[in-house]
N, C-alpha and C. Protein backbone atom coordinates (compact mmCIF):
# COMPACT_ATOMS: atom_id res chain seq x y z
N MET A 1 0.82 -1.19 0.00
CA MET A 1 0.00 0.00 0.00
C MET A 1 0.86 1.25 0.00
N SER A 2 0.38 2.23 -0.66
CA SER A 2 1.13 3.48 -0.68
C SER A 2 0.65 4.39 0.45
N GLU A 3 1.57 5.13 0.99
CA GLU A 3 1.22 6.06 2.06
C GLU A 3 0.82 7.39 1.44
N GLY A 4 -0.31 7.90 1.88
CA GLY A 4 -0.78 9.18 1.38
C GLY A 4 -0.19 10.33 2.17
N LYS A 5 -0.47 11.51 1.70
CA LYS A 5 0.00 12.69 2.42
C LYS A 5 -0.76 12.83 3.72
N LYS A 6 -0.08 13.23 4.75
CA LYS A 6 -0.74 13.50 6.02
C LYS A 6 -1.20 14.95 6.02
N ARG A 7 -2.34 15.17 6.66
CA ARG A 7 -2.86 16.54 6.75
C ARG A 7 -1.97 17.36 7.65
N LYS A 8 -1.78 18.60 7.27
CA LYS A 8 -0.97 19.51 8.08
C LYS A 8 -1.85 20.11 9.17
N PHE A 9 -1.29 20.31 10.31
CA PHE A 9 -1.97 20.99 11.40
C PHE A 9 -1.35 22.37 11.54
N HIS A 10 -2.18 23.39 11.44
CA HIS A 10 -1.70 24.76 11.56
C HIS A 10 -2.20 25.35 12.87
N THR A 11 -1.31 26.01 13.57
CA THR A 11 -1.68 26.63 14.85
C THR A 11 -2.56 27.84 14.61
N PRO A 12 -3.34 28.23 15.60
CA PRO A 12 -4.14 29.45 15.46
C PRO A 12 -3.28 30.69 15.19
N GLU A 13 -2.09 30.73 15.75
CA GLU A 13 -1.19 31.86 15.54
C GLU A 13 -0.77 31.95 14.07
N PHE A 14 -0.47 30.78 13.48
CA PHE A 14 -0.08 30.73 12.07
C PHE A 14 -1.23 31.18 11.18
N LYS A 15 -2.44 30.68 11.48
CA LYS A 15 -3.62 31.05 10.70
C LYS A 15 -3.87 32.56 10.78
N ALA A 16 -3.72 33.12 11.97
CA ALA A 16 -3.93 34.56 12.15
C ALA A 16 -2.89 35.36 11.35
N LYS A 17 -1.66 34.90 11.39
CA LYS A 17 -0.58 35.58 10.66
C LYS A 17 -0.87 35.59 9.16
N VAL A 18 -1.28 34.44 8.62
CA VAL A 18 -1.58 34.33 7.19
C VAL A 18 -2.80 35.18 6.84
N ALA A 19 -3.85 35.11 7.69
CA ALA A 19 -5.08 35.88 7.43
C ALA A 19 -4.82 37.38 7.48
N LEU A 20 -4.01 37.83 8.41
CA LEU A 20 -3.68 39.26 8.49
C LEU A 20 -2.91 39.71 7.26
N GLU A 21 -2.03 38.86 6.78
CA GLU A 21 -1.29 39.18 5.56
C GLU A 21 -2.25 39.32 4.39
N ALA A 22 -3.26 38.46 4.34
CA ALA A 22 -4.25 38.52 3.27
C ALA A 22 -5.11 39.78 3.40
N LEU A 23 -5.43 40.17 4.63
CA LEU A 23 -6.24 41.37 4.85
C LEU A 23 -5.51 42.64 4.42
N ARG A 24 -4.21 42.64 4.54
CA ARG A 24 -3.44 43.83 4.15
C ARG A 24 -3.63 44.15 2.67
N GLY A 25 -3.82 43.10 1.86
CA GLY A 25 -4.09 43.31 0.45
C GLY A 25 -2.89 43.68 -0.39
N ILE A 26 -1.70 43.55 0.15
CA ILE A 26 -0.49 43.91 -0.60
C ILE A 26 -0.16 42.82 -1.61
N LYS A 27 -0.32 41.57 -1.19
CA LYS A 27 -0.03 40.43 -2.05
C LYS A 27 -1.33 39.72 -2.40
N THR A 28 -1.30 38.95 -3.49
CA THR A 28 -2.47 38.16 -3.86
C THR A 28 -2.54 36.92 -2.97
N LEU A 29 -3.71 36.27 -2.96
CA LEU A 29 -3.86 35.05 -2.17
C LEU A 29 -2.91 33.96 -2.68
N ASN A 30 -2.66 33.94 -3.98
CA ASN A 30 -1.71 32.97 -4.55
C ASN A 30 -0.30 33.21 -4.02
N GLU A 31 0.11 34.45 -3.98
CA GLU A 31 1.46 34.78 -3.48
C GLU A 31 1.59 34.41 -2.00
N ILE A 32 0.56 34.72 -1.23
CA ILE A 32 0.60 34.41 0.20
C ILE A 32 0.62 32.90 0.40
N GLY A 33 -0.18 32.19 -0.38
CA GLY A 33 -0.20 30.74 -0.29
C GLY A 33 1.16 30.12 -0.59
N GLN A 34 1.83 30.62 -1.62
CA GLN A 34 3.16 30.11 -1.95
C GLN A 34 4.17 30.43 -0.86
N GLU A 35 4.07 31.63 -0.33
CA GLU A 35 5.01 32.06 0.70
C GLU A 35 4.91 31.20 1.97
N PHE A 36 3.67 30.89 2.38
CA PHE A 36 3.48 30.16 3.62
C PHE A 36 3.22 28.67 3.43
N GLY A 37 3.18 28.21 2.20
CA GLY A 37 2.97 26.79 1.93
C GLY A 37 1.54 26.33 2.21
N VAL A 38 0.57 27.20 1.91
CA VAL A 38 -0.83 26.92 2.14
C VAL A 38 -1.58 27.15 0.84
N HIS A 39 -2.61 26.37 0.58
CA HIS A 39 -3.40 26.54 -0.64
C HIS A 39 -4.11 27.90 -0.60
N PRO A 40 -4.17 28.60 -1.73
CA PRO A 40 -4.81 29.92 -1.78
C PRO A 40 -6.27 29.92 -1.32
N ILE A 41 -6.98 28.84 -1.57
CA ILE A 41 -8.38 28.76 -1.11
C ILE A 41 -8.42 28.75 0.42
N THR A 42 -7.48 28.06 1.02
CA THR A 42 -7.40 28.02 2.48
C THR A 42 -7.09 29.41 3.03
N VAL A 43 -6.21 30.13 2.37
CA VAL A 43 -5.89 31.50 2.77
C VAL A 43 -7.16 32.35 2.73
N GLY A 44 -7.95 32.20 1.68
CA GLY A 44 -9.20 32.93 1.56
C GLY A 44 -10.19 32.59 2.66
N HIS A 45 -10.25 31.31 3.04
CA HIS A 45 -11.14 30.89 4.12
C HIS A 45 -10.71 31.52 5.45
N TRP A 46 -9.41 31.52 5.71
CA TRP A 46 -8.91 32.09 6.97
C TRP A 46 -9.14 33.60 7.00
N LYS A 47 -8.98 34.26 5.86
CA LYS A 47 -9.22 35.70 5.77
C LYS A 47 -10.69 36.00 6.08
N LYS A 48 -11.57 35.24 5.47
CA LYS A 48 -13.01 35.44 5.69
C LYS A 48 -13.38 35.18 7.14
N GLU A 49 -12.82 34.13 7.72
CA GLU A 49 -13.10 33.81 9.12
C GLU A 49 -12.61 34.91 10.05
N LEU A 50 -11.45 35.46 9.77
CA LEU A 50 -10.91 36.56 10.57
C LEU A 50 -11.83 37.78 10.49
N GLN A 51 -12.29 38.10 9.31
CA GLN A 51 -13.18 39.24 9.14
C GLN A 51 -14.49 39.04 9.91
N GLU A 52 -15.03 37.83 9.88
CA GLU A 52 -16.30 37.55 10.55
C GLU A 52 -16.15 37.52 12.07
N GLN A 53 -15.01 37.08 12.56
CA GLN A 53 -14.81 36.93 14.00
C GLN A 53 -14.18 38.15 14.66
N ALA A 54 -13.76 39.12 13.90
CA ALA A 54 -13.06 40.29 14.46
C ALA A 54 -13.94 41.08 15.42
N LYS A 55 -15.24 41.13 15.16
CA LYS A 55 -16.12 41.92 16.03
C LYS A 55 -16.17 41.37 17.45
N THR A 56 -15.93 40.09 17.63
CA THR A 56 -15.98 39.51 18.97
C THR A 56 -14.84 40.02 19.86
N LEU A 57 -13.80 40.54 19.26
CA LEU A 57 -12.70 41.10 20.03
C LEU A 57 -13.13 42.30 20.85
N PHE A 58 -14.13 43.02 20.34
CA PHE A 58 -14.54 44.27 20.96
C PHE A 58 -15.83 44.14 21.77
N GLU A 59 -16.40 42.96 21.80
CA GLU A 59 -17.57 42.73 22.63
C GLU A 59 -17.10 42.46 24.05
N GLY A 60 -17.92 42.81 25.00
CA GLY A 60 -17.53 42.46 26.36
C GLY A 60 -18.02 43.41 27.40
N LYS A 61 -17.21 43.62 28.38
CA LYS A 61 -17.57 44.32 29.60
C LYS A 61 -17.92 45.79 29.40
N ARG A 62 -17.34 46.45 28.46
CA ARG A 62 -17.48 47.90 28.36
C ARG A 62 -18.58 48.37 27.41
N GLY A 63 -19.45 47.47 27.04
CA GLY A 63 -20.54 47.84 26.15
C GLY A 63 -21.60 48.63 26.91
N PRO A 64 -22.62 49.11 26.22
CA PRO A 64 -23.68 49.86 26.89
C PRO A 64 -24.43 48.96 27.87
N THR A 65 -24.80 49.55 28.99
CA THR A 65 -25.53 48.76 29.99
C THR A 65 -27.00 48.71 29.61
N PRO A 66 -27.60 47.54 29.69
CA PRO A 66 -29.01 47.44 29.33
C PRO A 66 -29.89 48.14 30.37
N ILE A 67 -30.97 48.73 29.89
CA ILE A 67 -31.90 49.43 30.77
C ILE A 67 -32.93 48.42 31.26
N ALA A 68 -33.17 48.39 32.54
CA ALA A 68 -34.14 47.46 33.10
C ALA A 68 -35.53 47.83 32.59
N ALA A 69 -36.35 46.83 32.32
CA ALA A 69 -37.68 47.06 31.75
C ALA A 69 -38.57 47.85 32.71
N HIS A 70 -38.44 47.62 34.01
CA HIS A 70 -39.29 48.31 34.97
C HIS A 70 -38.89 49.78 35.16
N ARG A 71 -37.75 50.19 34.70
CA ARG A 71 -37.29 51.57 34.84
C ARG A 71 -37.51 52.40 33.58
N GLU A 72 -37.88 51.79 32.50
CA GLU A 72 -38.05 52.50 31.24
C GLU A 72 -39.05 53.66 31.31
N PRO A 73 -40.23 53.49 31.89
CA PRO A 73 -41.17 54.62 31.93
C PRO A 73 -40.62 55.85 32.62
N GLU A 74 -39.75 55.69 33.58
CA GLU A 74 -39.17 56.84 34.29
C GLU A 74 -38.33 57.71 33.35
N LEU A 75 -37.70 57.08 32.40
CA LEU A 75 -36.82 57.81 31.49
C LEU A 75 -37.60 58.65 30.47
N LEU A 76 -38.88 58.37 30.30
CA LEU A 76 -39.68 59.11 29.33
C LEU A 76 -40.09 60.48 29.84
N TYR A 77 -40.08 60.71 31.15
CA TYR A 77 -40.53 61.99 31.72
C TYR A 77 -39.46 63.02 31.72
């Protein structure tokens, strides 16, 4: 039997580095793929995922505080 290629495991740090390079837009996805040894389609997937998940970085403790429902009428006066 012939041995097939084993799948590569990429760390989250590596994926972020490649995706950020793609977001910069200086090089094409093909160039980035060749540079990092990753298929250009994979680079595009990581770029898209980074764009979609970026908003979660800014969600959290410092957002607007919700107004309690029982206090809403007071604010109208």
